[in-house]
Amino acid sequence: MYARIVRASLTAETAENAVIYFQNTVLPALQQHAGFAFGHCFYSPADHHALMVSVWESQEARLSAETSGLLHQAVSHLGHYFDGKPTVDYYQVAV
């Protein structure tokens, strides 16, 4: 399994809406993509940081979601919630 983790600082005014958008829009779109295993959004109200995690059955499935424009579209729509540029990291799930 392979994971993509998007780290972002959210604006205080829009943080709650960003989490709702991930839950109601981004996550259902990910669930429709072949090879998607699961995803979660973690949010820290104290500092308005968020981690958006998606886990994929294979590296090919993760790459396919990215080349299809799914990641770019999600980040573009979430852009007005971000307080700065998000970072994206990739991991192989070890356990």
PDB file of N, CA and C in Angstrom:
ATOM      1  N   MET A   1       0.839  -1.173   0.000  1.00  0.00           N
ATOM      2  CA  MET A   1       0.000   0.000   0.000  1.00  0.00           C
ATOM      3  C   MET A   1       0.886   1.238   0.000  1.00  0.00           C
ATOM      4  N   TYR A   2       0.328   2.320  -0.529  1.00  0.00           N
ATOM      5  CA  TYR A   2       1.061   3.575  -0.669  1.00  0.00           C
ATOM      6  C   TYR A   2       0.195   4.720  -0.177  1.00  0.00           C
ATOM      7  N   ALA A   3       0.846   5.685   0.457  1.00  0.00           N
ATOM      8  CA  ALA A   3       0.106   6.814   1.025  1.00  0.00           C
ATOM      9  C   ALA A   3       0.589   8.129   0.436  1.00  0.00           C
ATOM     10  N   ARG A   4      -0.339   9.043   0.324  1.00  0.00           N
ATOM     11  CA  ARG A   4      -0.042  10.430  -0.032  1.00  0.00           C
ATOM     12  C   ARG A   4      -0.529  11.276   1.135  1.00  0.00           C
ATOM     13  N   ILE A   5       0.332  12.142   1.643  1.00  0.00           N
ATOM     14  CA  ILE A   5      -0.033  13.001   2.767  1.00  0.00           C
ATOM     15  C   ILE A   5       0.141  14.446   2.341  1.00  0.00           C
ATOM     16  N   VAL A   6      -0.955  15.179   2.397  1.00  0.00           N
ATOM     17  CA  VAL A   6      -0.934  16.606   2.096  1.00  0.00           C
ATOM     18  C   VAL A   6      -0.988  17.339   3.423  1.00  0.00           C
ATOM     19  N   ARG A   7       0.021  18.173   3.674  1.00  0.00           N
ATOM     20  CA  ARG A   7       0.077  18.976   4.899  1.00  0.00           C
ATOM     21  C   ARG A   7      -0.220  20.406   4.526  1.00  0.00           C
ATOM     22  N   ALA A   8      -1.093  21.032   5.316  1.00  0.00           N
ATOM     23  CA  ALA A   8      -1.461  22.410   5.016  1.00  0.00           C
ATOM     24  C   ALA A   8      -1.798  23.165   6.284  1.00  0.00           C
ATOM     25  N   SER A   9      -1.469  24.437   6.254  1.00  0.00           N
ATOM     26  CA  SER A   9      -1.971  25.356   7.274  1.00  0.00           C
ATOM     27  C   SER A   9      -3.243  25.953   6.701  1.00  0.00           C
ATOM     28  N   LEU A  10      -4.278  25.996   7.507  1.00  0.00           N
ATOM     29  CA  LEU A  10      -5.562  26.541   7.072  1.00  0.00           C
ATOM     30  C   LEU A  10      -5.776  27.897   7.721  1.00  0.00           C
ATOM     31  N   THR A  11      -6.555  28.728   7.065  1.00  0.00           N
ATOM     32  CA  THR A  11      -6.876  30.004   7.695  1.00  0.00           C
ATOM     33  C   THR A  11      -7.875  29.750   8.815  1.00  0.00           C
ATOM     34  N   ALA A  12      -7.786  30.514   9.873  1.00  0.00           N
ATOM     35  CA  ALA A  12      -8.672  30.326  11.030  1.00  0.00           C
ATOM     36  C   ALA A  12     -10.135  30.473  10.625  1.00  0.00           C
ATOM     37  N   GLU A  13     -10.403  31.374   9.702  1.00  0.00           N
ATOM     38  CA  GLU A  13     -11.790  31.657   9.303  1.00  0.00           C
ATOM     39  C   GLU A  13     -12.409  30.543   8.474  1.00  0.00           C
ATOM     40  N   THR A  14     -11.600  29.775   7.757  1.00  0.00           N
ATOM     41  CA  THR A  14     -12.154  28.796   6.828  1.00  0.00           C
ATOM     42  C   THR A  14     -11.802  27.355   7.171  1.00  0.00           C
ATOM     43  N   ALA A  15     -11.085  27.130   8.262  1.00  0.00           N
ATOM     44  CA  ALA A  15     -10.597  25.785   8.586  1.00  0.00           C
ATOM     45  C   ALA A  15     -11.730  24.768   8.684  1.00  0.00           C
ATOM     46  N   GLU A  16     -12.767  25.102   9.383  1.00  0.00           N
ATOM     47  CA  GLU A  16     -13.883  24.159   9.552  1.00  0.00           C
ATOM     48  C   GLU A  16     -14.505  23.817   8.201  1.00  0.00           C
ATOM     49  N   ASN A  17     -14.654  24.802   7.328  1.00  0.00           N
ATOM     50  CA  ASN A  17     -15.215  24.559   6.003  1.00  0.00           C
ATOM     51  C   ASN A  17     -14.294  23.695   5.150  1.00  0.00           C
ATOM     52  N   ALA A  18     -12.988  23.826   5.342  1.00  0.00           N
ATOM     53  CA  ALA A  18     -12.042  22.995   4.598  1.00  0.00           C
ATOM     54  C   ALA A  18     -12.212  21.527   4.963  1.00  0.00           C
ATOM     55  N   VAL A  19     -12.370  21.249   6.245  1.00  0.00           N
ATOM     56  CA  VAL A  19     -12.564  19.869   6.699  1.00  0.00           C
ATOM     57  C   VAL A  19     -13.877  19.317   6.135  1.00  0.00           C
ATOM     58  N   ILE A  20     -14.914  20.106   6.143  1.00  0.00           N
ATOM     59  CA  ILE A  20     -16.210  19.688   5.590  1.00  0.00           C
ATOM     60  C   ILE A  20     -16.086  19.426   4.090  1.00  0.00           C
ATOM     61  N   TYR A  21     -15.357  20.292   3.382  1.00  0.00           N
ATOM     62  CA  TYR A  21     -15.153  20.105   1.943  1.00  0.00           C
ATOM     63  C   TYR A  21     -14.419  18.797   1.670  1.00  0.00           C
ATOM     64  N   PHE A  22     -13.379  18.516   2.464  1.00  0.00           N
ATOM     65  CA  PHE A  22     -12.660  17.260   2.291  1.00  0.00           C
ATOM     66  C   PHE A  22     -13.605  16.088   2.499  1.00  0.00           C
ATOM     67  N   GLN A  23     -14.394  16.142   3.556  1.00  0.00           N
ATOM     68  CA  GLN A  23     -15.300  15.042   3.892  1.00  0.00           C
ATOM     69  C   GLN A  23     -16.388  14.853   2.835  1.00  0.00           C
ATOM     70  N   ASN A  24     -16.967  15.934   2.362  1.00  0.00           N
ATOM     71  CA  ASN A  24     -18.131  15.843   1.481  1.00  0.00           C
ATOM     72  C   ASN A  24     -17.805  15.803  -0.004  1.00  0.00           C
ATOM     73  N   THR A  25     -16.618  16.282  -0.384  1.00  0.00           N
ATOM     74  CA  THR A  25     -16.297  16.385  -1.807  1.00  0.00           C
ATOM     75  C   THR A  25     -15.047  15.585  -2.187  1.00  0.00           C
ATOM     76  N   VAL A  26     -13.936  15.849  -1.515  1.00  0.00           N
ATOM     77  CA  VAL A  26     -12.684  15.202  -1.890  1.00  0.00           C
ATOM     78  C   VAL A  26     -12.732  13.706  -1.607  1.00  0.00           C
ATOM     79  N   LEU A  27     -13.124  13.338  -0.409  1.00  0.00           N
ATOM     80  CA  LEU A  27     -13.147  11.922  -0.046  1.00  0.00           C
ATOM     81  C   LEU A  27     -14.067  11.105  -0.949  1.00  0.00           C
ATOM     82  N   PRO A  28     -15.299  11.538  -1.233  1.00  0.00           N
ATOM     83  CA  PRO A  28     -16.132  10.760  -2.159  1.00  0.00           C
ATOM     84  C   PRO A  28     -15.513  10.636  -3.563  1.00  0.00           C
ATOM     85  N   ALA A  29     -14.817  11.679  -4.021  1.00  0.00           N
ATOM     86  CA  ALA A  29     -14.167  11.598  -5.331  1.00  0.00           C
ATOM     87  C   ALA A  29     -13.038  10.566  -5.300  1.00  0.00           C
ATOM     88  N   LEU A  30     -12.271  10.548  -4.217  1.00  0.00           N
ATOM     89  CA  LEU A  30     -11.207   9.566  -4.075  1.00  0.00           C
ATOM     90  C   LEU A  30     -11.780   8.151  -4.047  1.00  0.00           C
ATOM     91  N   GLN A  31     -12.893   7.972  -3.357  1.00  0.00           N
ATOM     92  CA  GLN A  31     -13.504   6.652  -3.218  1.00  0.00           C
ATOM     93  C   GLN A  31     -13.959   6.080  -4.557  1.00  0.00           C
ATOM     94  N   GLN A  32     -14.182   6.928  -5.534  1.00  0.00           N
ATOM     95  CA  GLN A  32     -14.612   6.479  -6.857  1.00  0.00           C
ATOM     96  C   GLN A  32     -13.430   6.024  -7.727  1.00  0.00           C
ATOM     97  N   HIS A  33     -12.219   6.313  -7.266  1.00  0.00           N
ATOM     98  CA  HIS A  33     -11.046   6.003  -8.068  1.00  0.00           C
ATOM     99  C   HIS A  33     -10.570   4.579  -7.784  1.00  0.00           C
ATOM    100  N   ALA A  34     -10.286   3.833  -8.836  1.00  0.00           N
ATOM    101  CA  ALA A  34      -9.808   2.454  -8.698  1.00  0.00           C
ATOM    102  C   ALA A  34      -8.525   2.410  -7.884  1.00  0.00           C
ATOM    103  N   GLY A  35      -8.462   1.495  -6.931  1.00  0.00           N
ATOM    104  CA  GLY A  35      -7.262   1.305  -6.130  1.00  0.00           C
ATOM    105  C   GLY A  35      -7.199   2.140  -4.869  1.00  0.00           C
ATOM    106  N   PHE A  36      -8.207   2.977  -4.640  1.00  0.00           N
ATOM    107  CA  PHE A  36      -8.233   3.771  -3.415  1.00  0.00           C
ATOM    108  C   PHE A  36      -8.614   2.864  -2.252  1.00  0.00           C
ATOM    109  N   ALA A  37      -7.855   2.911  -1.166  1.00  0.00           N
ATOM    110  CA  ALA A  37      -8.138   2.067   0.003  1.00  0.00           C
ATOM    111  C   ALA A  37      -8.927   2.845   1.050  1.00  0.00           C
ATOM    112  N   PHE A  38      -8.371   3.967   1.526  1.00  0.00           N
ATOM    113  CA  PHE A  38      -9.081   4.800   2.499  1.00  0.00           C
ATOM    114  C   PHE A  38      -8.394   6.150   2.626  1.00  0.00           C
ATOM    115  N   GLY A  39      -9.072   7.088   3.252  1.00  0.00           N
ATOM    116  CA  GLY A  39      -8.512   8.417   3.460  1.00  0.00           C
ATOM    117  C   GLY A  39      -9.057   9.028   4.732  1.00  0.00           C
ATOM    118  N   HIS A  40      -8.283   9.926   5.297  1.00  0.00           N
ATOM    119  CA  HIS A  40      -8.678  10.634   6.507  1.00  0.00           C
ATOM    120  C   HIS A  40      -8.143  12.059   6.454  1.00  0.00           C
ATOM    121  N   CYS A  41      -8.815  12.935   7.157  1.00  0.00           N
ATOM    122  CA  CYS A  41      -8.339  14.304   7.327  1.00  0.00           C
ATOM    123  C   CYS A  41      -8.163  14.531   8.822  1.00  0.00           C
ATOM    124  N   PHE A  42      -6.976  14.954   9.205  1.00  0.00           N
ATOM    125  CA  PHE A  42      -6.669  15.258  10.599  1.00  0.00           C
ATOM    126  C   PHE A  42      -6.528  16.771  10.716  1.00  0.00           C
ATOM    127  N   TYR A  43      -7.131  17.328  11.735  1.00  0.00           N
ATOM    128  CA  TYR A  43      -7.131  18.778  11.896  1.00  0.00           C
ATOM    129  C   TYR A  43      -6.812  19.154  13.334  1.00  0.00           C
ATOM    130  N   SER A  44      -5.937  20.137  13.499  1.00  0.00           N
ATOM    131  CA  SER A  44      -5.572  20.648  14.818  1.00  0.00           C
ATOM    132  C   SER A  44      -6.189  22.033  15.005  1.00  0.00           C
ATOM    133  N   PRO A  45      -7.254  22.147  15.797  1.00  0.00           N
ATOM    134  CA  PRO A  45      -7.886  23.454  16.003  1.00  0.00           C
ATOM    135  C   PRO A  45      -6.955  24.469  16.671  1.00  0.00           C
ATOM    136  N   ALA A  46      -5.983  23.989  17.425  1.00  0.00           N
ATOM    137  CA  ALA A  46      -5.085  24.899  18.139  1.00  0.00           C
ATOM    138  C   ALA A  46      -4.225  25.728  17.186  1.00  0.00           C
ATOM    139  N   ASP A  47      -3.745  25.099  16.102  1.00  0.00           N
ATOM    140  CA  ASP A  47      -2.865  25.836  15.188  1.00  0.00           C
ATOM    141  C   ASP A  47      -3.351  25.836  13.734  1.00  0.00           C
ATOM    142  N   HIS A  48      -4.533  25.267  13.495  1.00  0.00           N
ATOM    143  CA  HIS A  48      -5.173  25.249  12.175  1.00  0.00           C
ATOM    144  C   HIS A  48      -4.359  24.499  11.123  1.00  0.00           C
ATOM    145  N   HIS A  49      -3.622  23.485  11.555  1.00  0.00           N
ATOM    146  CA  HIS A  49      -2.893  22.632  10.620  1.00  0.00           C
ATOM    147  C   HIS A  49      -3.745  21.418  10.285  1.00  0.00           C
ATOM    148  N   ALA A  50      -3.599  20.946   9.063  1.00  0.00           N
ATOM    149  CA  ALA A  50      -4.353  19.770   8.629  1.00  0.00           C
ATOM    150  C   ALA A  50      -3.439  18.800   7.902  1.00  0.00           C
ATOM    151  N   LEU A  51      -3.742  17.520   8.059  1.00  0.00           N
ATOM    152  CA  LEU A  51      -3.111  16.447   7.298  1.00  0.00           C
ATOM    153  C   LEU A  51      -4.229  15.728   6.553  1.00  0.00           C
ATOM    154  N   MET A  52      -4.104  15.634   5.255  1.00  0.00           N
ATOM    155  CA  MET A  52      -5.074  14.915   4.448  1.00  0.00           C
ATOM    156  C   MET A  52      -4.360  13.693   3.895  1.00  0.00           C
ATOM    157  N   VAL A  53      -4.778  12.527   4.349  1.00  0.00           N
ATOM    158  CA  VAL A  53      -4.095  11.280   4.042  1.00  0.00           C
ATOM    159  C   VAL A  53      -4.963  10.426   3.122  1.00  0.00           C
ATOM    160  N   SER A  54      -4.363   9.939   2.051  1.00  0.00           N
ATOM    161  CA  SER A  54      -5.046   8.957   1.209  1.00  0.00           C
ATOM    162  C   SER A  54      -4.131   7.750   1.079  1.00  0.00           C
ATOM    163  N   VAL A  55      -4.715   6.570   1.163  1.00  0.00           N
ATOM    164  CA  VAL A  55      -3.959   5.322   1.078  1.00  0.00           C
ATOM    165  C   VAL A  55      -4.478   4.544  -0.130  1.00  0.00           C
ATOM    166  N   TRP A  56      -3.524   4.021  -0.889  1.00  0.00           N
ATOM    167  CA  TRP A  56      -3.814   3.365  -2.161  1.00  0.00           C
ATOM    168  C   TRP A  56      -3.303   1.939  -2.148  1.00  0.00           C
ATOM    169  N   GLU A  57      -3.992   1.050  -2.866  1.00  0.00           N
ATOM    170  CA  GLU A  57      -3.615  -0.356  -2.934  1.00  0.00           C
ATOM    171  C   GLU A  57      -2.281  -0.559  -3.642  1.00  0.00           C
ATOM    172  N   SER A  58      -1.941   0.333  -4.563  1.00  0.00           N
ATOM    173  CA  SER A  58      -0.679   0.213  -5.292  1.00  0.00           C
ATOM    174  C   SER A  58      -0.163   1.598  -5.649  1.00  0.00           C
ATOM    175  N   GLN A  59       1.107   1.645  -5.969  1.00  0.00           N
ATOM    176  CA  GLN A  59       1.692   2.910  -6.397  1.00  0.00           C
ATOM    177  C   GLN A  59       1.071   3.336  -7.730  1.00  0.00           C
ATOM    178  N   GLU A  60       0.747   2.383  -8.573  1.00  0.00           N
ATOM    179  CA  GLU A  60       0.133   2.682  -9.856  1.00  0.00           C
ATOM    180  C   GLU A  60      -1.231   3.358  -9.682  1.00  0.00           C
ATOM    181  N   ALA A  61      -2.013   2.883  -8.706  1.00  0.00           N
ATOM    182  CA  ALA A  61      -3.322   3.490  -8.447  1.00  0.00           C
ATOM    183  C   ALA A  61      -3.158   4.932  -7.962  1.00  0.00           C
ATOM    184  N   ARG A  62      -2.182   5.154  -7.080  1.00  0.00           N
ATOM    185  CA  ARG A  62      -1.932   6.508  -6.586  1.00  0.00           C
ATOM    186  C   ARG A  62      -1.513   7.424  -7.728  1.00  0.00           C
ATOM    187  N   LEU A  63      -0.597   6.943  -8.544  1.00  0.00           N
ATOM    188  CA  LEU A  63      -0.132   7.735  -9.677  1.00  0.00           C
ATOM    189  C   LEU A  63      -1.261   8.012 -10.666  1.00  0.00           C
ATOM    190  N   SER A  64      -2.112   7.025 -10.877  1.00  0.00           N
ATOM    191  CA  SER A  64      -3.235   7.195 -11.794  1.00  0.00           C
ATOM    192  C   SER A  64      -4.171   8.305 -11.317  1.00  0.00           C
ATOM    193  N   ALA A  65      -4.416   8.364 -10.022  1.00  0.00           N
ATOM    194  CA  ALA A  65      -5.278   9.415  -9.475  1.00  0.00           C
ATOM    195  C   ALA A  65      -4.648  10.787  -9.695  1.00  0.00           C
ATOM    196  N   GLU A  66      -3.336  10.854  -9.608  1.00  0.00           N
ATOM    197  CA  GLU A  66      -2.651  12.130  -9.802  1.00  0.00           C
ATOM    198  C   GLU A  66      -2.617  12.539 -11.272  1.00  0.00           C
ATOM    199  N   THR A  67      -2.340  11.605 -12.152  1.00  0.00           N
ATOM    200  CA  THR A  67      -2.265  11.948 -13.570  1.00  0.00           C
ATOM    201  C   THR A  67      -3.647  12.192 -14.170  1.00  0.00           C
ATOM    202  N   SER A  68      -4.694  11.701 -13.500  1.00  0.00           N
ATOM    203  CA  SER A  68      -6.051  11.955 -13.976  1.00  0.00           C
ATOM    204  C   SER A  68      -6.498  13.381 -13.660  1.00  0.00           C
ATOM    205  N   GLY A  69      -5.716  14.086 -12.848  1.00  0.00           N
ATOM    206  CA  GLY A  69      -6.081  15.445 -12.467  1.00  0.00           C
ATOM    207  C   GLY A  69      -6.810  15.525 -11.144  1.00  0.00           C
ATOM    208  N   LEU A  70      -7.080  14.379 -10.532  1.00  0.00           N
ATOM    209  CA  LEU A  70      -7.844  14.352  -9.283  1.00  0.00           C
ATOM    210  C   LEU A  70      -7.153  15.137  -8.169  1.00  0.00           C
ATOM    211  N   LEU A  71      -5.856  14.919  -7.975  1.00  0.00           N
ATOM    212  CA  LEU A  71      -5.134  15.635  -6.926  1.00  0.00           C
ATOM    213  C   LEU A  71      -5.087  17.127  -7.216  1.00  0.00           C
ATOM    214  N   HIS A  72      -4.759  17.470  -8.443  1.00  0.00           N
ATOM    215  CA  HIS A  72      -4.675  18.889  -8.805  1.00  0.00           C
ATOM    216  C   HIS A  72      -6.013  19.583  -8.605  1.00  0.00           C
ATOM    217  N   GLN A  73      -7.084  18.941  -9.015  1.00  0.00           N
ATOM    218  CA  GLN A  73      -8.419  19.524  -8.866  1.00  0.00           C
ATOM    219  C   GLN A  73      -8.774  19.717  -7.394  1.00  0.00           C
ATOM    220  N   ALA A  74      -8.485  18.715  -6.571  1.00  0.00           N
ATOM    221  CA  ALA A  74      -8.799  18.817  -5.143  1.00  0.00           C
ATOM    222  C   ALA A  74      -8.000  19.935  -4.482  1.00  0.00           C
ATOM    223  N   VAL A  75      -6.703  20.002  -4.777  1.00  0.00           N
ATOM    224  CA  VAL A  75      -5.859  21.036  -4.179  1.00  0.00           C
ATOM    225  C   VAL A  75      -6.283  22.417  -4.685  1.00  0.00           C
ATOM    226  N   SER A  76      -6.654  22.514  -5.941  1.00  0.00           N
ATOM    227  CA  SER A  76      -7.102  23.797  -6.487  1.00  0.00           C
ATOM    228  C   SER A  76      -8.351  24.292  -5.767  1.00  0.00           C
ATOM    229  N   HIS A  77      -9.304  23.403  -5.549  1.00  0.00           N
ATOM    230  CA  HIS A  77     -10.532  23.797  -4.871  1.00  0.00           C
ATOM    231  C   HIS A  77     -10.300  24.097  -3.388  1.00  0.00           C
ATOM    232  N   LEU A  78      -9.357  23.408  -2.785  1.00  0.00           N
ATOM    233  CA  LEU A  78      -9.040  23.668  -1.377  1.00  0.00           C
ATOM    234  C   LEU A  78      -8.155  24.903  -1.208  1.00  0.00           C
ATOM    235  N   GLY A  79      -7.600  25.399  -2.292  1.00  0.00           N
ATOM    236  CA  GLY A  79      -6.628  26.476  -2.244  1.00  0.00           C
ATOM    237  C   GLY A  79      -7.033  27.690  -1.447  1.00  0.00           C
ATOM    238  N   HIS A  80      -8.289  28.099  -1.534  1.00  0.00           N
ATOM    239  CA  HIS A  80      -8.692  29.306  -0.799  1.00  0.00           C
ATOM    240  C   HIS A  80      -8.829  29.058   0.706  1.00  0.00           C
ATOM    241  N   TYR A  81      -8.735  27.796   1.123  1.00  0.00           N
ATOM    242  CA  TYR A  81      -8.742  27.479   2.549  1.00  0.00           C
ATOM    243  C   TYR A  81      -7.329  27.510   3.137  1.00  0.00           C
ATOM    244  N   PHE A  82      -6.315  27.380   2.270  1.00  0.00           N
ATOM    245  CA  PHE A  82      -4.936  27.266   2.734  1.00  0.00           C
ATOM    246  C   PHE A  82      -4.359  28.613   3.132  1.00  0.00           C
ATOM    247  N   ASP A  83      -3.536  28.573   4.148  1.00  0.00           N
ATOM    248  CA  ASP A  83      -2.760  29.735   4.566  1.00  0.00           C
ATOM    249  C   ASP A  83      -1.304  29.430   4.207  1.00  0.00           C
ATOM    250  N   GLY A  84      -0.987  29.548   2.938  1.00  0.00           N
ATOM    251  CA  GLY A  84       0.333  29.172   2.441  1.00  0.00           C
ATOM    252  C   GLY A  84       0.211  27.974   1.524  1.00  0.00           C
ATOM    253  N   LYS A  85       1.341  27.571   0.988  1.00  0.00           N
ATOM    254  CA  LYS A  85       1.371  26.458   0.039  1.00  0.00           C
ATOM    255  C   LYS A  85       1.434  25.124   0.786  1.00  0.00           C
ATOM    256  N   PRO A  86       0.567  24.170   0.415  1.00  0.00           N
ATOM    257  CA  PRO A  86       0.618  22.855   1.065  1.00  0.00           C
ATOM    258  C   PRO A  86       1.829  22.061   0.575  1.00  0.00           C
ATOM    259  N   THR A  87       2.216  21.069   1.357  1.00  0.00           N
ATOM    260  CA  THR A  87       3.271  20.148   0.945  1.00  0.00           C
ATOM    261  C   THR A  87       2.643  18.775   0.724  1.00  0.00           C
ATOM    262  N   VAL A  88       3.213  18.039  -0.197  1.00  0.00           N
ATOM    263  CA  VAL A  88       2.719  16.695  -0.506  1.00  0.00           C
ATOM    264  C   VAL A  88       3.893  15.734  -0.348  1.00  0.00           C
ATOM    265  N   ASP A  89       3.687  14.687   0.457  1.00  0.00           N
ATOM    266  CA  ASP A  89       4.699  13.661   0.683  1.00  0.00           C
ATOM    267  C   ASP A  89       4.113  12.299   0.334  1.00  0.00           C
ATOM    268  N   TYR A  90       4.994  11.382  -0.064  1.00  0.00           N
ATOM    269  CA  TYR A  90       4.591  10.040  -0.447  1.00  0.00           C
ATOM    270  C   TYR A  90       5.320   9.018   0.390  1.00  0.00           C
ATOM    271  N   TYR A  91       4.595   7.959   0.759  1.00  0.00           N
ATOM    272  CA  TYR A  91       5.166   6.920   1.612  1.00  0.00           C
ATOM    273  C   TYR A  91       4.697   5.555   1.143  1.00  0.00           C
ATOM    274  N   GLN A  92       5.519   4.559   1.379  1.00  0.00           N
ATOM    275  CA  GLN A  92       5.080   3.188   1.260  1.00  0.00           C
ATOM    276  C   GLN A  92       4.607   2.794   2.664  1.00  0.00           C
ATOM    277  N   VAL A  93       3.427   2.219   2.772  1.00  0.00           N
ATOM    278  CA  VAL A  93       2.887   1.839   4.072  1.00  0.00           C
ATOM    279  C   VAL A  93       3.640   0.596   4.552  1.00  0.00           C
ATOM    280  N   ALA A  94       4.285   0.727   5.704  1.00  0.00           N
ATOM    281  CA  ALA A  94       5.145  -0.343   6.203  1.00  0.00           C
ATOM    282  C   ALA A  94       4.395  -1.328   7.103  1.00  0.00           C
ATOM    283  N   VAL A  95       3.427  -0.868   7.833  1.00  0.00           N
ATOM    284  CA  VAL A  95       2.711  -1.734   8.770  1.00  0.00           C
ATOM    285  C   VAL A  95       1.221  -1.599   8.547  1.00  0.00           C
TER     286      VAL A  95
END
